[in-house]
């Protein structure tokens, strides 16, 4: 074997070691960034099941599949390149965009509560925003579209947290880490949601197991428990999902204001959490989290209550007016073309 070939093989081996080290580094950074985004991931998992509530069992997995596909498009095709571009050319724009997204989450969550407390007023508000759809397919499409819009905001928060957790490095490394975190979180969230919503089917299958042995009796008991309990669990999860939208949105707004030097709310919420933790040291971390989440939730409720009339009386009329201009411009373009 020639000396040149040996040198070439040594170079290839060295490059392979560098590549392996880079992959390990990327995997480690992605794991750390994903852990920091865990709070938003939990909120995402809590929010999603409510979008399949009320549909037949046969439509549950297809709906989740559509939402998961939309989530991947959000993360990989829109948010990933947008995050990289903004971090390069306009990093100062990331915070206000996240705050707008947080306000949207507050609006969506408070609107759901508004619908429960004042259903007639909420129906009038919905009718003012958009014409209600009547057929089942359009209802499903609206649910999926609403879920993907909500996912977009939560995904933007996840990608922003990930980007902030990634040390300054090359754009390729940042892009790979964002992609790994985006893919991993999407499969984790929607795989978990699929298991949750199909647990009642598993329960039905277990409930039909013959009770010829102690194991059979045990499996039947588990199956009956799943069949009985899952509808209540899904309702509770839907409530948690709505609450999560409000407190996550409120938290985004609070942290956004703090980044602009308006830290009074953030300090007040943090101090309340610390005071509660010191009062009951045995449950310090749990109580601190609960109090801080409640504080963010109160901010989210106020923001949502402000956003509802703004959406109904300002945003919606402007949006309808802009949409009405499109057919007019098309007609004018056609008329100009005929001339």
Protein backbone atom coordinates (compact mmCIF):
# COMPACT_ATOMS: atom_id res chain seq x y z
CA UNK A 1 0.00 0.00 0.00
CA UNK A 2 1.45 3.39 -0.98
CA UNK A 3 2.22 6.12 1.52
CA UNK A 4 -0.23 8.42 -0.29
CA UNK A 5 -3.11 5.97 0.13
CA UNK A 6 -2.30 5.53 3.84
CA UNK A 7 -2.32 9.33 4.29
CA UNK A 8 -5.65 9.54 2.48
CA UNK A 9 -7.17 6.87 4.74
CA UNK A 10 -5.85 8.73 7.81
CA UNK A 11 -7.48 11.94 6.56
CA UNK A 12 -10.79 10.12 5.98
CA UNK A 13 -10.64 8.60 9.48
CA UNK A 14 -9.92 12.04 10.99
CA UNK A 15 -12.85 13.57 9.09
CA UNK A 16 -15.10 10.74 10.27
CA UNK A 17 -14.10 11.42 13.89
CA UNK A 18 -14.82 15.13 13.48
CA UNK A 19 -18.19 14.35 11.89
CA UNK A 20 -19.07 11.93 14.71
CA UNK A 21 -18.08 14.50 17.32
CA UNK A 22 -20.21 17.13 15.54
CA UNK A 23 -23.20 14.79 15.47
CA UNK A 24 -22.78 14.04 19.18
CA UNK A 25 -22.55 17.77 19.89
CA UNK A 26 -25.68 18.48 17.83
CA UNK A 27 -27.58 15.65 19.56
CA UNK A 28 -26.53 16.94 22.98
CA UNK A 29 -27.51 20.53 22.19
CA UNK A 30 -30.84 19.39 20.71
CA UNK A 31 -31.60 17.38 23.86
CA UNK A 32 -30.80 20.37 26.11
CA UNK A 33 -32.86 22.75 23.97
CA UNK A 34 -35.77 20.31 23.85
CA UNK A 35 -35.70 19.99 27.64
CA UNK A 36 -35.94 23.78 28.00
CA UNK A 37 -39.01 23.76 25.72
CA UNK A 38 -40.64 20.96 27.76
CA UNK A 39 -43.17 23.31 29.36
CA UNK A 40 -44.56 24.38 25.99
CA UNK A 41 -44.52 20.74 24.83
CA UNK A 42 -46.75 19.76 27.75
CA UNK A 43 -49.11 22.61 26.94
CA UNK A 44 -49.17 21.53 23.27
CA UNK A 45 -50.05 17.96 24.27
CA UNK A 46 -52.80 19.22 26.57
CA UNK A 47 -54.30 21.55 23.96
CA UNK A 48 -54.51 19.13 21.01
CA UNK A 49 -56.97 16.42 22.23
CA UNK A 50 -59.82 18.92 22.51
CA UNK A 51 -59.77 19.31 18.72
CA UNK A 52 -60.95 15.69 18.23
CA UNK A 53 -63.64 15.87 20.91
CA UNK A 54 -67.08 15.28 19.42
CA UNK A 55 -65.92 13.38 16.32
CA UNK A 56 -66.45 9.69 15.62
CA UNK A 57 -63.71 7.24 16.62
CA UNK A 58 -62.95 6.58 12.94
CA UNK A 59 -62.02 10.24 12.38
CA UNK A 60 -59.80 10.71 15.46
CA UNK A 61 -56.50 9.40 14.05
CA UNK A 62 -56.96 11.02 10.60
CA UNK A 63 -57.60 14.38 12.31
CA UNK A 64 -54.52 13.98 14.51
CA UNK A 65 -52.53 13.00 11.40
CA UNK A 66 -53.63 16.16 9.60
CA UNK A 67 -52.71 18.32 12.58
CA UNK A 68 -49.33 16.58 12.95
CA UNK A 69 -48.57 17.12 9.25
CA UNK A 70 -49.54 20.79 9.60
CA UNK A 71 -47.32 21.02 12.68
CA UNK A 72 -44.33 19.65 10.76
CA UNK A 73 -44.95 22.15 7.96
CA UNK A 74 -45.18 24.94 10.54
CA UNK A 75 -41.88 23.98 12.14
CA UNK A 76 -39.74 22.90 9.19
CA UNK A 77 -41.03 24.93 6.23
CA UNK A 78 -42.02 28.21 7.90
CA UNK A 79 -40.65 28.66 11.41
CA UNK A 80 -37.19 27.12 10.96
CA UNK A 81 -36.12 29.34 8.03
CA UNK A 82 -37.93 32.33 9.56
CA UNK A 83 -36.11 31.84 12.88
CA UNK A 84 -32.72 31.64 11.15
CA UNK A 85 -33.40 34.69 8.98
CA UNK A 86 -34.74 36.76 11.88
CA UNK A 87 -31.80 35.80 14.10
CA UNK A 88 -29.48 37.09 11.37
CA UNK A 89 -31.17 40.22 10.05
CA UNK A 90 -33.75 41.29 12.65
CA UNK A 91 -33.36 39.55 16.03
CA UNK A 92 -35.27 42.41 17.68
CA UNK A 93 -38.42 41.37 15.78
CA UNK A 94 -38.65 37.95 17.43
CA UNK A 95 -40.01 39.19 20.77
CA UNK A 96 -42.89 41.32 19.41
CA UNK A 97 -43.90 38.51 17.05
CA UNK A 98 -43.97 36.07 19.95
CA UNK A 99 -46.05 38.54 21.98
CA UNK A 100 -48.58 38.77 19.15
CA UNK A 101 -48.69 34.98 19.12
CA UNK A 102 -49.17 34.95 22.89
CA UNK A 103 -52.06 37.39 22.56
CA UNK A 104 -53.65 35.08 19.98
CA UNK A 105 -53.39 32.15 22.42
CA UNK A 106 -55.04 34.25 25.13
CA UNK A 107 -57.81 35.22 22.72
CA UNK A 108 -58.43 31.59 21.69
CA UNK A 109 -58.48 30.32 25.28
CA UNK A 110 -60.65 33.09 26.73
CA UNK A 111 -63.02 32.80 23.76
CA UNK A 112 -63.63 29.14 24.73
CA UNK A 113 -64.42 30.17 28.31
CA UNK A 114 -66.60 32.99 26.98
CA UNK A 115 -68.54 30.41 24.97
CA UNK A 116 -69.25 28.37 28.11
CA UNK A 117 -70.25 31.31 30.28
CA UNK A 118 -72.22 33.35 27.70
CA UNK A 119 -73.03 30.96 24.84
CA UNK A 120 -75.44 33.31 23.00
CA UNK A 121 -73.03 36.23 23.05
CA UNK A 122 -70.18 33.92 22.00
CA UNK A 123 -72.26 32.61 19.08
CA UNK A 124 -72.96 36.17 17.96
CA UNK A 125 -69.23 36.94 18.20
CA UNK A 126 -68.36 33.85 16.10
CA UNK A 127 -71.00 34.78 13.50
CA UNK A 128 -69.55 38.27 13.25
CA UNK A 129 -66.08 36.87 12.64
CA UNK A 130 -66.95 34.29 10.01
CA UNK A 131 -70.01 32.53 8.58
CA UNK A 132 -70.66 29.31 10.49
CA UNK A 133 -70.20 26.06 8.56
CA UNK A 134 -72.93 23.44 8.64
CA UNK A 135 -71.64 20.23 7.07
CA UNK A 136 -69.46 17.77 9.01
CA UNK A 137 -66.51 17.98 6.65
CA UNK A 138 -66.25 21.76 6.95
CA UNK A 139 -66.53 21.50 10.74
CA UNK A 140 -63.63 19.03 10.71
CA UNK A 141 -61.62 21.26 8.37
CA UNK A 142 -62.24 24.26 10.64
CA UNK A 143 -61.14 22.26 13.69
CA UNK A 144 -57.96 21.14 11.93
CA UNK A 145 -57.23 24.67 10.70
CA UNK A 146 -57.78 26.05 14.21
CA UNK A 147 -55.50 23.39 15.70
CA UNK A 148 -52.76 24.13 13.17
CA UNK A 149 -53.00 27.87 13.88
CA UNK A 150 -52.72 27.22 17.61
CA UNK A 151 -49.86 24.80 16.98
CA UNK A 152 -48.12 27.51 14.95
CA UNK A 153 -47.98 29.80 17.99
CA UNK A 154 -46.83 27.04 20.35
CA UNK A 155 -44.31 25.82 17.76
CA UNK A 156 -42.98 29.36 17.34
CA UNK A 157 -42.42 29.50 21.09
CA UNK A 158 -40.66 26.11 21.02
CA UNK A 159 -38.40 27.17 18.13
CA UNK A 160 -37.62 30.51 19.81
CA UNK A 161 -36.68 28.75 23.08
CA UNK A 162 -34.57 26.27 21.11
CA UNK A 163 -32.78 29.00 19.17
CA UNK A 164 -32.07 30.91 22.40
CA UNK A 165 -30.68 27.74 24.00
CA UNK A 166 -28.33 26.99 21.08
CA UNK A 167 -24.89 28.57 21.53
CA UNK A 168 -23.92 30.98 18.78
CA UNK A 169 -22.48 28.89 15.97
CA UNK A 170 -22.83 28.17 12.30
CA UNK A 171 -26.18 28.49 10.61
CA UNK A 172 -26.04 24.84 9.49
CA UNK A 173 -25.63 23.62 13.07
CA UNK A 174 -28.49 25.83 14.27
CA UNK A 175 -30.71 24.61 11.41
CA UNK A 176 -29.98 20.94 12.18
CA UNK A 177 -30.68 21.41 15.92
CA UNK A 178 -33.95 23.25 15.20
CA UNK A 179 -34.98 20.49 12.78
CA UNK A 180 -34.11 17.70 15.24
CA UNK A 181 -36.02 19.40 18.07
CA UNK A 182 -38.98 20.15 15.79
CA UNK A 183 -39.24 16.58 14.51
CA UNK A 184 -38.72 15.02 17.94
CA UNK A 185 -41.28 17.21 19.68
CA UNK A 186 -43.87 16.74 16.93
CA UNK A 187 -43.65 12.94 17.07
CA UNK A 188 -43.61 13.01 20.88
CA UNK A 189 -46.66 15.28 21.18
CA UNK A 190 -48.87 13.81 18.47
CA UNK A 191 -47.83 10.22 19.15
CA UNK A 192 -48.84 10.77 22.77
CA UNK A 193 -52.09 12.44 21.75
CA UNK A 194 -52.92 9.51 19.44
CA UNK A 195 -52.38 7.08 22.33
CA UNK A 196 -54.56 9.18 24.63
CA UNK A 197 -57.53 9.48 22.28
CA UNK A 198 -57.43 5.77 21.29
CA UNK A 199 -57.06 4.49 24.85
CA UNK A 200 -60.82 3.86 25.04
CA UNK A 201 -60.59 1.51 22.03
CA UNK A 202 -57.81 -0.39 23.79
CA UNK A 203 -60.01 -0.51 26.88
CA UNK A 204 -62.88 -1.98 24.86
CA UNK A 205 -60.57 -4.67 23.48
CA UNK A 206 -59.29 -5.55 26.97
CA UNK A 207 -62.83 -5.58 28.38
CA UNK A 208 -63.67 -8.39 25.93
CA UNK A 209 -60.85 -10.64 27.22
CA UNK A 210 -62.18 -13.86 28.71
CA UNK A 211 -61.99 -13.90 32.49
CA UNK A 212 -60.85 -17.54 32.63
CA UNK A 213 -57.83 -16.70 34.79
CA UNK A 214 -56.65 -14.09 37.28
CA UNK A 215 -54.77 -12.30 34.48
CA UNK A 216 -57.90 -12.28 32.31
CA UNK A 217 -59.96 -10.78 35.13
CA UNK A 218 -57.25 -8.18 35.75
CA UNK A 219 -57.15 -7.18 32.04
CA UNK A 220 -60.95 -6.94 31.88
CA UNK A 221 -60.91 -4.64 34.93
CA UNK A 222 -58.32 -2.40 33.29
CA UNK A 223 -60.34 -2.36 30.07
CA UNK A 224 -63.56 -1.43 31.85
CA UNK A 225 -61.73 1.29 33.76
CA UNK A 226 -60.34 2.77 30.52
CA UNK A 227 -63.72 2.67 28.78
CA UNK A 228 -65.43 4.32 31.75
CA UNK A 229 -62.74 6.81 32.60
CA UNK A 230 -61.40 8.06 29.25
CA UNK A 231 -64.39 10.31 28.36
CA UNK A 232 -63.94 12.10 31.70
CA UNK A 233 -60.18 12.22 31.24
CA UNK A 234 -60.57 13.79 27.79
CA UNK A 235 -62.94 16.41 29.19
CA UNK A 236 -60.46 17.24 31.95
CA UNK A 237 -57.65 17.35 29.37
CA UNK A 238 -59.73 19.72 27.25
CA UNK A 239 -60.13 22.04 30.25
CA UNK A 240 -56.39 21.81 30.94
CA UNK A 241 -55.72 22.54 27.27
CA UNK A 242 -57.82 25.70 27.34
CA UNK A 243 -56.16 26.79 30.58
CA UNK A 244 -52.76 26.05 29.04
CA UNK A 245 -53.47 28.33 26.10
CA UNK A 246 -54.32 31.16 28.50
CA UNK A 247 -51.37 30.77 30.88
CA UNK A 248 -48.82 30.14 28.12
CA UNK A 249 -50.09 33.17 26.19
CA UNK A 250 -50.05 35.29 29.34
CA UNK A 251 -46.54 34.07 30.15
CA UNK A 252 -45.29 35.02 26.68
CA UNK A 253 -46.73 38.52 27.10
CA UNK A 254 -45.24 38.92 30.60
CA UNK A 255 -41.75 37.82 29.48
CA UNK A 256 -42.02 39.99 26.37
CA UNK A 257 -42.83 43.06 28.45
CA UNK A 258 -39.94 42.22 30.77
CA UNK A 259 -37.52 42.13 27.82
CA UNK A 260 -38.60 45.71 27.02
CA UNK A 261 -37.87 46.88 30.56
CA UNK A 262 -41.46 46.62 31.80
CA UNK A 263 -40.73 43.99 34.43
CA UNK A 264 -43.25 44.91 37.11
CA UNK A 265 -45.68 42.11 36.28
CA UNK A 266 -42.92 39.50 35.94
CA UNK A 267 -41.37 40.50 39.28
CA UNK A 268 -44.77 40.55 41.00
CA UNK A 269 -45.63 37.05 39.75
CA UNK A 270 -42.16 35.71 40.62
CA UNK A 271 -42.25 37.27 44.11
CA UNK A 272 -45.68 35.76 44.76
CA UNK A 273 -44.36 32.35 43.77
CA UNK A 274 -41.29 32.76 45.97
CA UNK A 275 -43.38 33.89 48.96
CA UNK A 276 -45.67 30.85 48.60
CA UNK A 277 -42.67 28.54 48.30
CA UNK A 278 -41.11 29.95 51.49
CA UNK A 279 -44.42 29.64 53.34
CA UNK A 280 -44.67 25.89 52.63
CA UNK A 281 -41.10 24.62 51.99
CA UNK A 282 -42.21 20.98 51.65
CA UNK A 283 -44.10 21.83 48.43
CA UNK A 284 -41.93 24.77 47.40
CA UNK A 285 -41.34 23.95 43.72
CA UNK A 286 -44.90 22.78 43.05
CA UNK A 287 -46.57 25.73 44.76
CA UNK A 288 -44.17 28.21 43.16
CA UNK A 289 -45.06 26.84 39.71
CA UNK A 290 -48.80 26.90 40.45
CA UNK A 291 -48.73 30.50 41.68
CA UNK A 292 -46.60 31.70 38.74
CA UNK A 293 -48.83 29.84 36.25
CA UNK A 294 -51.91 31.38 37.90
CA UNK A 295 -50.34 34.84 37.65
CA UNK A 296 -49.60 34.32 33.96
CA UNK A 297 -53.15 33.00 33.57
CA UNK A 298 -54.64 36.16 35.08
CA UNK A 299 -52.61 38.26 32.63
CA UNK A 300 -53.79 35.94 29.83
CA UNK A 301 -57.45 36.33 30.84
CA UNK A 302 -57.18 40.13 30.86
CA UNK A 303 -55.39 40.11 27.49
CA UNK A 304 -58.00 37.74 26.03
CA UNK A 305 -60.91 39.83 27.32
CA UNK A 306 -59.38 42.87 25.63
CA UNK A 307 -58.68 40.93 22.42
CA UNK A 308 -62.27 39.63 21.98
CA UNK A 309 -63.94 43.03 21.31
CA UNK A 310 -60.88 44.18 19.36
CA UNK A 311 -61.20 41.12 17.11
CA UNK A 312 -64.96 41.57 16.75
CA UNK A 313 -65.15 45.31 16.15
CA UNK A 314 -61.79 46.20 14.57
CA UNK A 315 -59.85 43.24 13.16
CA UNK A 316 -62.81 41.36 11.65
CA UNK A 317 -64.32 44.39 9.77
CA UNK A 318 -60.89 45.30 8.39
CA UNK A 319 -60.31 41.68 7.33
CA UNK A 320 -63.73 41.45 5.64
CA UNK A 321 -63.06 44.74 3.83
CA UNK A 322 -59.68 43.54 2.58
CA UNK A 323 -61.22 40.27 1.38
CA UNK A 324 -63.95 42.19 -0.44
CA UNK A 325 -61.28 44.06 -2.40
CA UNK A 326 -59.88 40.87 -3.94
CA UNK A 327 -62.90 40.02 -6.19
CA UNK A 328 -63.11 43.68 -7.23
CA UNK A 329 -59.45 43.74 -8.27
CA UNK A 330 -59.83 40.45 -10.12
CA UNK A 331 -62.75 41.88 -12.09
CA UNK A 332 -60.74 45.00 -12.90
CA UNK A 333 -57.81 42.85 -14.03
CA UNK A 334 -60.09 40.77 -16.26
CA UNK A 335 -61.63 43.92 -17.71
CA UNK A 336 -58.16 45.35 -18.44
CA UNK A 337 -57.17 42.06 -20.08
CA UNK A 338 -60.18 42.15 -22.41
CA UNK A 339 -59.29 45.68 -23.48
